[in-house]
Every structure is written in C-alpha cells, then in structure tokens.
Amino acid sequence: MKRRILCLGLCLACVSGLAHAADWPAPIQRLADQGVTVIKKIDAPEGMTGYAAKAGQRPVALYLTPDGKHVIIGTLLDENGKNLSRAPLMGIADVKPGLPKDAWQQLERSAWIADGPADAARTVYVITDPNCPYCHRFFESARPWVAAGRVQLRHIPVGVIRPSSPGKAAALLAAKNPTQAYREHERTYASGGIAPMDDVPAKLKDKITANGALMKSLGIRGTPGIVYKNADGELQVFQGAARNKKLVEILGPKPE
C-alpha cells in the first residue's frame, strides 16, 4: 500500500524487542499482557503489520513498525483523509463498536456550536479540534448543504491535537456569537484561525474536558468525528473528512 499516511490519536508504545514466548510479536504480546484483546491481522502499509484488537469494548487498530520493536495505536488515514482502519475493524464481529443507548442525548447536552438553521431537516454532530485540517476540509465541503438550510452542523470543540487546541476551543465557546466566531475561524484557518484563550475559566475547561470524554465514550479516536442518523434513524459514526458518496450519505442529496 504505497500511500502517504497519517495516524491520528497516536499512542506510541516503545517496548523492547526481547524474545517473547507467544504467537504475537513481542510489542503486540506486551499489549495483550496488559489486557488488550488481539483478534487478527489486518491490512497495513508496506513494511508494517496491522492488527485488529479490543481495549475493553473499544475497537482499536494496532500497527507494528518495520523494525518489529514498536507499535502504533490509532486511526490510519491516507492522503485523501480516508479512514483505512475503520473497515477492517467493522468487518470483525468481535470488535464491532457499539454506541451508548443515550448517545444522541449526550450529544445534545454537550457544549456545541450551531452552524446552520435550527429547523434544518438534518442535524449532524461534528467532534472537532480547532487545529484539525480534516475538520476544516469537512467544514468547507458541507457549505452547500448548510447554505441551503438543509443541514445544521453542531460542532463540538475538543482540544487534542496541539497545545493551542484547548485555548482555541475555549475561545470559540466563549465568543459573544459562537457561530460567527466559528465561521470566521474556519475562514482564516490557513493563517491560524482564532487566537487561543490564555486564561481559561474552570467552567469552560470542564466543558472542553466533558467534550473530550464524550469523544472517547463514542469510540472516536480522531477528528473530525461525525455522528449522524441514517435513513432508518440509526446512529452512525464516521471518522475523517467525508467525501463524495459518504458526504451525501451524511448530509443528504447535494443542493443544486
């Protein structure tokens, strides 16, 4: 798989390559010894070896580096933002993720910023980091639907990518007009967007922390984490910058 890749939500386990009396390579077995359930191998970029696993009830993808001494835990994206880890995990019943029964209600109660009319036919939640390029790409891609009044995006800011992310999330939520502030942030994204808040009040910190906890509880390991309802009213999660058919599935037919 000769693609330029990006791993989101990285947790690099630097473990030794000492011989280990087990079926899995030593770094993978070390995780298994710590309670991670390793299921089977999955596709990975050239030189790496991928594994589908479970950490508790949460599905995770593991990628063994070419030297066999390190393992990367996270979501693998290609140069187009396509999630390469999701399909292998969803195809294994043992690691198929589930959502809390009250997931939609939790999203409604979270600290979000409206983007689009309240009476839009569709509501889509987007867990987003202010520094996330794929979040910016999805924001831009969704403009025709929002402008036509067909979709209301509800952006749930988290601070996970860079040190400035929590401060930017706080500045967006604390703005006099959060919707206007969010759109201006996206308009100026290439030049850095909104300035981070230096001294974040405790209540605002709690909101951002709660948004991050919600992200984890939904099994979302990278941004954007898009939660929507399909044609049957069932909750769906997509991680990454949706494009083409997936964009239409999430937002509906494109306005003319």
C-alpha atoms as a PDB file:
ATOM      1  CA  MET A   1       0.000   0.000   0.000  1.00  0.00           C
ATOM      2  CA  LYS A   2       2.083   2.873  -1.338  1.00  0.00           C
ATOM      3  CA  ARG A   3       0.281   5.816   0.193  1.00  0.00           C
ATOM      4  CA  ARG A   4       1.238   8.775   2.278  1.00  0.00           C
ATOM      5  CA  ILE A   5      -0.395   8.102   5.644  1.00  0.00           C
ATOM      6  CA  LEU A   6      -1.305   9.846   8.864  1.00  0.00           C
ATOM      7  CA  CYS A   7      -2.037   8.147  12.180  1.00  0.00           C
ATOM      8  CA  LEU A   8      -4.499  10.022  14.436  1.00  0.00           C
ATOM      9  CA  GLY A   9      -4.784   9.699  18.203  1.00  0.00           C
ATOM     10  CA  LEU A  10      -1.317   8.215  18.361  1.00  0.00           C
ATOM     11  CA  CYS A  11      -0.163   6.321  21.397  1.00  0.00           C
ATOM     12  CA  LEU A  12       3.363   5.102  20.696  1.00  0.00           C
ATOM     13  CA  ALA A  13       4.278   2.120  22.826  1.00  0.00           C
ATOM     14  CA  CYS A  14       8.055   1.902  22.799  1.00  0.00           C
ATOM     15  CA  VAL A  15       8.599  -1.601  24.034  1.00  0.00           C
ATOM     16  CA  SER A  16      11.655  -3.761  23.706  1.00  0.00           C
ATOM     17  CA  GLY A  17      12.114  -6.433  21.093  1.00  0.00           C
ATOM     18  CA  LEU A  18      13.161  -9.170  23.515  1.00  0.00           C
ATOM     19  CA  ALA A  19      12.065 -12.678  22.597  1.00  0.00           C
ATOM     20  CA  HIS A  20       8.588 -13.480  23.876  1.00  0.00           C
ATOM     21  CA  ALA A  21       7.075 -16.937  24.151  1.00  0.00           C
ATOM     22  CA  ALA A  22       3.774 -16.157  22.380  1.00  0.00           C
ATOM     23  CA  ASP A  23       2.111 -16.216  18.947  1.00  0.00           C
ATOM     24  CA  TRP A  24       2.136 -12.417  18.581  1.00  0.00           C
ATOM     25  CA  PRO A  25       5.294 -10.316  18.066  1.00  0.00           C
ATOM     26  CA  ALA A  26       6.746  -9.036  21.335  1.00  0.00           C
ATOM     27  CA  PRO A  27       5.278  -5.481  21.263  1.00  0.00           C
ATOM     28  CA  ILE A  28       1.812  -6.826  20.386  1.00  0.00           C
ATOM     29  CA  GLN A  29       2.050  -9.522  23.041  1.00  0.00           C
ATOM     30  CA  ARG A  30       3.073  -6.896  25.597  1.00  0.00           C
ATOM     31  CA  LEU A  31      -0.215  -5.087  24.947  1.00  0.00           C
ATOM     32  CA  ALA A  32      -2.087  -8.387  25.200  1.00  0.00           C
ATOM     33  CA  ASP A  33      -0.447  -8.983  28.576  1.00  0.00           C
ATOM     34  CA  GLN A  34      -1.776  -5.588  29.659  1.00  0.00           C
ATOM     35  CA  GLY A  35      -5.377  -6.548  28.827  1.00  0.00           C
ATOM     36  CA  VAL A  36      -5.748  -5.662  25.132  1.00  0.00           C
ATOM     37  CA  THR A  37      -7.535  -8.426  23.193  1.00  0.00           C
ATOM     38  CA  VAL A  38      -5.749  -9.007  19.887  1.00  0.00           C
ATOM     39  CA  ILE A  39      -8.108 -10.543  17.293  1.00  0.00           C
ATOM     40  CA  LYS A  40      -6.343 -10.943  13.942  1.00  0.00           C
ATOM     41  CA  LYS A  41      -4.104  -9.323  11.344  1.00  0.00           C
ATOM     42  CA  ILE A  42      -5.454  -6.577   9.060  1.00  0.00           C
ATOM     43  CA  ASP A  43      -4.088  -4.719   6.029  1.00  0.00           C
ATOM     44  CA  ALA A  44      -1.336  -2.186   6.682  1.00  0.00           C
ATOM     45  CA  PRO A  45       1.049  -0.016   4.644  1.00  0.00           C
ATOM     46  CA  GLU A  46       4.094  -1.678   3.131  1.00  0.00           C
ATOM     47  CA  GLY A  47       6.601  -2.663   5.802  1.00  0.00           C
ATOM     48  CA  MET A  48       4.083  -2.517   8.662  1.00  0.00           C
ATOM     49  CA  THR A  49       1.819  -5.227  10.076  1.00  0.00           C
ATOM     50  CA  GLY A  50      -1.688  -4.366  11.202  1.00  0.00           C
ATOM     51  CA  TYR A  51      -3.835  -5.989  13.897  1.00  0.00           C
ATOM     52  CA  ALA A  52      -7.467  -5.599  14.938  1.00  0.00           C
ATOM     53  CA  ALA A  53      -7.870  -5.535  18.720  1.00  0.00           C
ATOM     54  CA  LYS A  54     -10.156  -4.525  21.577  1.00  0.00           C
ATOM     55  CA  ALA A  55      -9.278  -2.328  24.541  1.00  0.00           C
ATOM     56  CA  GLY A  56     -12.176  -3.150  26.814  1.00  0.00           C
ATOM     57  CA  GLN A  57     -15.177  -2.824  24.491  1.00  0.00           C
ATOM     58  CA  ARG A  58     -13.482  -0.279  22.229  1.00  0.00           C
ATOM     59  CA  PRO A  59     -12.108  -1.445  18.866  1.00  0.00           C
ATOM     60  CA  VAL A  60      -8.532  -0.388  18.154  1.00  0.00           C
ATOM     61  CA  ALA A  61      -6.133  -0.836  15.285  1.00  0.00           C
ATOM     62  CA  LEU A  62      -2.505  -1.683  16.033  1.00  0.00           C
ATOM     63  CA  TYR A  63       0.337  -1.151  13.566  1.00  0.00           C
ATOM     64  CA  LEU A  64       3.677  -2.868  14.135  1.00  0.00           C
ATOM     65  CA  THR A  65       6.564  -0.800  12.757  1.00  0.00           C
ATOM     66  CA  PRO A  66       9.013  -2.354  10.253  1.00  0.00           C
ATOM     67  CA  ASP A  67      11.705  -2.830  12.914  1.00  0.00           C
ATOM     68  CA  GLY A  68       9.303  -5.032  14.914  1.00  0.00           C
ATOM     69  CA  LYS A  69      10.083  -3.112  18.098  1.00  0.00           C
ATOM     70  CA  HIS A  70       7.314  -0.521  18.287  1.00  0.00           C
ATOM     71  CA  VAL A  71       3.548  -0.462  17.893  1.00  0.00           C
ATOM     72  CA  ILE A  72       1.378   2.484  16.876  1.00  0.00           C
ATOM     73  CA  ILE A  73      -2.199   2.536  18.205  1.00  0.00           C
ATOM     74  CA  GLY A  74      -4.592   4.710  16.237  1.00  0.00           C
ATOM     75  CA  THR A  75      -6.597   5.505  13.138  1.00  0.00           C
ATOM     76  CA  LEU A  76      -4.793   5.279   9.808  1.00  0.00           C
ATOM     77  CA  LEU A  77      -5.699   7.837   7.135  1.00  0.00           C
ATOM     78  CA  ASP A  78      -4.488   8.062   3.555  1.00  0.00           C
ATOM     79  CA  GLU A  79      -3.580  11.266   1.714  1.00  0.00           C
ATOM     80  CA  ASN A  80      -7.249  11.902   0.916  1.00  0.00           C
ATOM     81  CA  GLY A  81      -8.380  11.616   4.519  1.00  0.00           C
ATOM     82  CA  LYS A  82      -9.920   8.172   4.010  1.00  0.00           C
ATOM     83  CA  ASN A  83     -10.046   6.094   7.198  1.00  0.00           C
ATOM     84  CA  LEU A  84      -8.158   2.873   6.421  1.00  0.00           C
ATOM     85  CA  SER A  85      -8.709   1.353   9.866  1.00  0.00           C
ATOM     86  CA  ARG A  86     -12.491   1.548  10.106  1.00  0.00           C
ATOM     87  CA  ALA A  87     -13.438  -1.081   7.500  1.00  0.00           C
ATOM     88  CA  PRO A  88     -11.157  -3.833   8.875  1.00  0.00           C
ATOM     89  CA  LEU A  89     -12.491  -3.250  12.390  1.00  0.00           C
ATOM     90  CA  MET A  90     -16.137  -3.075  11.329  1.00  0.00           C
ATOM     91  CA  GLY A  91     -15.723  -6.326   9.412  1.00  0.00           C
ATOM     92  CA  ILE A  92     -14.912  -8.258  12.575  1.00  0.00           C
ATOM     93  CA  ALA A  93     -17.926  -9.012  14.775  1.00  0.00           C
ATOM     94  CA  ASP A  94     -15.775  -9.321  17.882  1.00  0.00           C
ATOM     95  CA  VAL A  95     -14.587  -5.725  17.593  1.00  0.00           C
ATOM     96  CA  LYS A  96     -17.628  -4.034  16.070  1.00  0.00           C
ATOM     97  CA  PRO A  97     -18.117  -0.814  18.062  1.00  0.00           C
ATOM     98  CA  GLY A  98     -21.346  -0.017  19.810  1.00  0.00           C
ATOM     99  CA  LEU A  99     -22.730   3.343  20.863  1.00  0.00           C
ATOM    100  CA  PRO A 100     -24.314   4.116  24.237  1.00  0.00           C
ATOM    101  CA  LYS A 101     -28.112   3.917  24.081  1.00  0.00           C
ATOM    102  CA  ASP A 102     -28.360   7.591  25.009  1.00  0.00           C
ATOM    103  CA  ALA A 103     -25.551   8.722  22.677  1.00  0.00           C
ATOM    104  CA  TRP A 104     -27.743  11.196  20.782  1.00  0.00           C
ATOM    105  CA  GLN A 105     -28.992  12.707  24.064  1.00  0.00           C
ATOM    106  CA  GLN A 106     -25.396  13.023  25.278  1.00  0.00           C
ATOM    107  CA  LEU A 107     -24.515  14.866  22.103  1.00  0.00           C
ATOM    108  CA  GLU A 108     -27.480  17.203  22.550  1.00  0.00           C
ATOM    109  CA  ARG A 109     -26.319  18.029  26.095  1.00  0.00           C
ATOM    110  CA  SER A 110     -22.711  18.671  25.093  1.00  0.00           C
ATOM    111  CA  ALA A 111     -21.146  22.108  24.526  1.00  0.00           C
ATOM    112  CA  TRP A 112     -21.663  22.618  20.797  1.00  0.00           C
ATOM    113  CA  ILE A 113     -21.708  25.472  18.302  1.00  0.00           C
ATOM    114  CA  ALA A 114     -24.570  25.644  15.797  1.00  0.00           C
ATOM    115  CA  ASP A 115     -23.763  26.056  12.112  1.00  0.00           C
ATOM    116  CA  GLY A 116     -26.947  26.222  10.058  1.00  0.00           C
ATOM    117  CA  PRO A 117     -30.656  26.772  10.797  1.00  0.00           C
ATOM    118  CA  ALA A 118     -32.294  25.156  13.823  1.00  0.00           C
ATOM    119  CA  ASP A 119     -35.172  23.913  11.661  1.00  0.00           C
ATOM    120  CA  ALA A 120     -32.937  22.131   9.149  1.00  0.00           C
ATOM    121  CA  ALA A 121     -34.104  18.680   8.064  1.00  0.00           C
ATOM    122  CA  ARG A 122     -30.857  17.084   9.271  1.00  0.00           C
ATOM    123  CA  THR A 123     -28.719  17.549  12.340  1.00  0.00           C
ATOM    124  CA  VAL A 124     -25.139  16.336  12.258  1.00  0.00           C
ATOM    125  CA  TYR A 125     -22.729  16.444  15.203  1.00  0.00           C
ATOM    126  CA  VAL A 126     -19.063  17.022  14.441  1.00  0.00           C
ATOM    127  CA  ILE A 127     -16.461  16.497  17.151  1.00  0.00           C
ATOM    128  CA  THR A 128     -13.738  18.853  16.013  1.00  0.00           C
ATOM    129  CA  ASP A 129     -10.354  20.209  17.018  1.00  0.00           C
ATOM    130  CA  PRO A 130      -9.699  23.845  16.007  1.00  0.00           C
ATOM    131  CA  ASN A 131      -6.296  22.820  14.610  1.00  0.00           C
ATOM    132  CA  CYS A 132      -7.551  19.808  12.643  1.00  0.00           C
ATOM    133  CA  PRO A 133      -7.042  20.127   8.853  1.00  0.00           C
ATOM    134  CA  TYR A 134      -9.574  17.375   8.142  1.00  0.00           C
ATOM    135  CA  CYS A 135     -12.180  19.180  10.257  1.00  0.00           C
ATOM    136  CA  HIS A 136     -11.548  22.273   8.147  1.00  0.00           C
ATOM    137  CA  ARG A 137     -11.926  20.227   4.971  1.00  0.00           C
ATOM    138  CA  PHE A 138     -15.260  18.818   6.144  1.00  0.00           C
ATOM    139  CA  PHE A 139     -16.455  22.306   7.118  1.00  0.00           C
ATOM    140  CA  GLU A 140     -15.686  23.550   3.608  1.00  0.00           C
ATOM    141  CA  SER A 141     -17.262  20.511   1.933  1.00  0.00           C
ATOM    142  CA  ALA A 142     -20.513  20.963   3.899  1.00  0.00           C
ATOM    143  CA  ARG A 143     -21.043  24.627   2.930  1.00  0.00           C
ATOM    144  CA  PRO A 144     -23.613  23.975   0.128  1.00  0.00           C
ATOM    145  CA  TRP A 145     -25.869  21.969   2.469  1.00  0.00           C
ATOM    146  CA  VAL A 146     -25.611  24.498   5.309  1.00  0.00           C
ATOM    147  CA  ALA A 147     -26.118  27.483   2.989  1.00  0.00           C
ATOM    148  CA  ALA A 148     -29.216  25.837   1.520  1.00  0.00           C
ATOM    149  CA  GLY A 149     -30.677  25.407   5.007  1.00  0.00           C
ATOM    150  CA  ARG A 150     -30.825  21.622   4.718  1.00  0.00           C
ATOM    151  CA  VAL A 151     -28.364  20.749   7.479  1.00  0.00           C
ATOM    152  CA  GLN A 152     -27.408  22.097  10.869  1.00  0.00           C
ATOM    153  CA  LEU A 153     -23.907  21.090  11.880  1.00  0.00           C
ATOM    154  CA  ARG A 154     -23.285  21.119  15.610  1.00  0.00           C
ATOM    155  CA  HIS A 155     -19.556  21.469  16.178  1.00  0.00           C
ATOM    156  CA  ILE A 156     -18.321  20.007  19.477  1.00  0.00           C
ATOM    157  CA  PRO A 157     -14.877  21.541  20.152  1.00  0.00           C
ATOM    158  CA  VAL A 158     -12.177  19.432  21.791  1.00  0.00           C
ATOM    159  CA  GLY A 159      -8.514  20.161  22.417  1.00  0.00           C
ATOM    160  CA  VAL A 160      -6.440  17.137  21.438  1.00  0.00           C
ATOM    161  CA  ILE A 161      -4.091  17.917  18.543  1.00  0.00           C
ATOM    162  CA  ARG A 162      -1.813  20.772  19.609  1.00  0.00           C
ATOM    163  CA  PRO A 163      -1.048  22.667  22.833  1.00  0.00           C
ATOM    164  CA  SER A 164      -3.073  25.613  21.485  1.00  0.00           C
ATOM    165  CA  SER A 165      -6.158  23.471  20.774  1.00  0.00           C
ATOM    166  CA  PRO A 166      -7.837  23.737  24.227  1.00  0.00           C
ATOM    167  CA  GLY A 167      -7.346  27.510  24.256  1.00  0.00           C
ATOM    168  CA  LYS A 168      -8.829  27.866  20.774  1.00  0.00           C
ATOM    169  CA  ALA A 169     -11.765  25.610  21.722  1.00  0.00           C
ATOM    170  CA  ALA A 170     -12.362  27.802  24.777  1.00  0.00           C
ATOM    171  CA  ALA A 171     -12.214  30.991  22.700  1.00  0.00           C
ATOM    172  CA  LEU A 172     -14.819  29.621  20.290  1.00  0.00           C
ATOM    173  CA  LEU A 173     -17.216  28.550  23.034  1.00  0.00           C
ATOM    174  CA  ALA A 174     -16.769  31.807  24.954  1.00  0.00           C
ATOM    175  CA  ALA A 175     -17.325  34.083  21.947  1.00  0.00           C
ATOM    176  CA  LYS A 176     -20.218  36.537  22.060  1.00  0.00           C
ATOM    177  CA  ASN A 177     -21.512  34.918  18.866  1.00  0.00           C
ATOM    178  CA  PRO A 178     -20.021  31.404  18.737  1.00  0.00           C
ATOM    179  CA  THR A 179     -21.457  30.647  15.291  1.00  0.00           C
ATOM    180  CA  GLN A 180     -19.926  33.770  13.783  1.00  0.00           C
ATOM    181  CA  ALA A 181     -16.644  33.134  15.619  1.00  0.00           C
ATOM    182  CA  TYR A 182     -16.513  29.557  14.344  1.00  0.00           C
ATOM    183  CA  ARG A 183     -17.116  30.570  10.742  1.00  0.00           C
ATOM    184  CA  GLU A 184     -14.501  33.311  10.985  1.00  0.00           C
ATOM    185  CA  HIS A 185     -12.054  30.805  12.475  1.00  0.00           C
ATOM    186  CA  GLU A 186     -12.594  28.491   9.512  1.00  0.00           C
ATOM    187  CA  ARG A 187     -12.331  31.388   7.046  1.00  0.00           C
ATOM    188  CA  THR A 188      -8.914  32.288   8.479  1.00  0.00           C
ATOM    189  CA  TYR A 189      -7.834  28.698   9.200  1.00  0.00           C
ATOM    190  CA  ALA A 190      -4.833  28.839   6.840  1.00  0.00           C
ATOM    191  CA  SER A 191      -3.377  31.751   8.802  1.00  0.00           C
ATOM    192  CA  GLY A 192      -4.005  30.186  12.214  1.00  0.00           C
ATOM    193  CA  GLY A 193      -7.660  30.935  12.852  1.00  0.00           C
ATOM    194  CA  ILE A 194      -8.901  32.133  16.209  1.00  0.00           C
ATOM    195  CA  ALA A 195      -6.364  33.138  18.866  1.00  0.00           C
ATOM    196  CA  PRO A 196      -6.308  30.760  21.850  1.00  0.00           C
ATOM    197  CA  MET A 197      -7.658  31.981  25.183  1.00  0.00           C
ATOM    198  CA  ASP A 198      -4.767  32.422  27.623  1.00  0.00           C
ATOM    199  CA  ASP A 199      -6.585  32.030  30.926  1.00  0.00           C
ATOM    200  CA  VAL A 200      -9.466  29.583  30.528  1.00  0.00           C
ATOM    201  CA  PRO A 201     -12.069  29.720  33.343  1.00  0.00           C
ATOM    202  CA  ALA A 202     -12.665  26.489  35.231  1.00  0.00           C
ATOM    203  CA  LYS A 203     -16.249  26.079  33.989  1.00  0.00           C
ATOM    204  CA  LEU A 204     -15.104  26.384  30.397  1.00  0.00           C
ATOM    205  CA  LYS A 205     -12.289  23.899  30.988  1.00  0.00           C
ATOM    206  CA  ASP A 206     -14.871  21.478  32.357  1.00  0.00           C
ATOM    207  CA  LYS A 207     -16.965  21.805  29.192  1.00  0.00           C
ATOM    208  CA  ILE A 208     -13.992  21.070  26.946  1.00  0.00           C
ATOM    209  CA  THR A 209     -12.948  18.150  29.147  1.00  0.00           C
ATOM    210  CA  ALA A 210     -16.505  16.782  29.007  1.00  0.00           C
ATOM    211  CA  ASN A 211     -16.478  17.070  25.216  1.00  0.00           C
ATOM    212  CA  GLY A 212     -13.245  15.067  25.144  1.00  0.00           C
ATOM    213  CA  ALA A 213     -14.724  12.420  27.434  1.00  0.00           C
ATOM    214  CA  LEU A 214     -17.773  12.175  25.170  1.00  0.00           C
ATOM    215  CA  MET A 215     -15.488  11.682  22.190  1.00  0.00           C
ATOM    216  CA  LYS A 216     -13.802   8.758  23.933  1.00  0.00           C
ATOM    217  CA  SER A 217     -17.085   7.217  25.092  1.00  0.00           C
ATOM    218  CA  LEU A 218     -18.266   7.111  21.478  1.00  0.00           C
ATOM    219  CA  GLY A 219     -15.098   5.280  20.437  1.00  0.00           C
ATOM    220  CA  ILE A 220     -13.894   8.210  18.329  1.00  0.00           C
ATOM    221  CA  ARG A 221     -10.100   8.327  18.234  1.00  0.00           C
ATOM    222  CA  GLY A 222      -9.504  11.122  15.727  1.00  0.00           C
ATOM    223  CA  THR A 223     -11.090  14.312  14.457  1.00  0.00           C
ATOM    224  CA  PRO A 224     -13.417  15.019  12.867  1.00  0.00           C
ATOM    225  CA  GLY A 225     -15.735  12.512  14.495  1.00  0.00           C
ATOM    226  CA  ILE A 226     -19.044  12.795  12.659  1.00  0.00           C
ATOM    227  CA  VAL A 227     -22.219  11.398  14.246  1.00  0.00           C
ATOM    228  CA  TYR A 228     -25.434  11.339  12.226  1.00  0.00           C
ATOM    229  CA  LYS A 229     -28.615   9.349  11.659  1.00  0.00           C
ATOM    230  CA  ASN A 230     -29.044   7.231   8.549  1.00  0.00           C
ATOM    231  CA  ALA A 231     -32.254   6.820   6.524  1.00  0.00           C
ATOM    232  CA  ASP A 232     -33.538   4.337   9.103  1.00  0.00           C
ATOM    233  CA  GLY A 233     -32.871   6.686  12.004  1.00  0.00           C
ATOM    234  CA  GLU A 234     -29.931   4.631  13.241  1.00  0.00           C
ATOM    235  CA  LEU A 235     -26.915   6.422  14.687  1.00  0.00           C
ATOM    236  CA  GLN A 236     -23.769   6.206  12.599  1.00  0.00           C
ATOM    237  CA  VAL A 237     -20.215   7.353  13.248  1.00  0.00           C
ATOM    238  CA  PHE A 238     -17.694   8.361  10.600  1.00  0.00           C
ATOM    239  CA  GLN A 239     -14.156   9.447  11.382  1.00  0.00           C
ATOM    240  CA  GLY A 240     -12.355  11.650   8.895  1.00  0.00           C
ATOM    241  CA  ALA A 241     -13.204  14.223   6.217  1.00  0.00           C
ATOM    242  CA  ALA A 242     -16.195  12.666   4.447  1.00  0.00           C
ATOM    243  CA  ARG A 243     -16.101  12.932   0.673  1.00  0.00           C
ATOM    244  CA  ASN A 244     -18.201  12.002  -2.355  1.00  0.00           C
ATOM    245  CA  LYS A 245     -20.779   9.259  -1.575  1.00  0.00           C
ATOM    246  CA  LYS A 246     -20.087   9.345   2.151  1.00  0.00           C
ATOM    247  CA  LEU A 247     -20.673  13.098   2.205  1.00  0.00           C
ATOM    248  CA  VAL A 248     -24.063  12.598   0.542  1.00  0.00           C
ATOM    249  CA  GLU A 249     -24.903   9.777   2.950  1.00  0.00           C
ATOM    250  CA  ILE A 250     -24.229  12.073   5.907  1.00  0.00           C
ATOM    251  CA  LEU A 251     -25.709  15.332   4.593  1.00  0.00           C
ATOM    252  CA  GLY A 252     -28.268  14.187   2.032  1.00  0.00           C
ATOM    253  CA  PRO A 253     -28.556  14.972  -1.703  1.00  0.00           C
ATOM    254  CA  LYS A 254     -26.351  17.888  -2.714  1.00  0.00           C
ATOM    255  CA  PRO A 255     -28.289  21.131  -3.341  1.00  0.00           C
ATOM    256  CA  GLU A 256     -28.279  22.310  -6.947  1.00  0.00           C
END
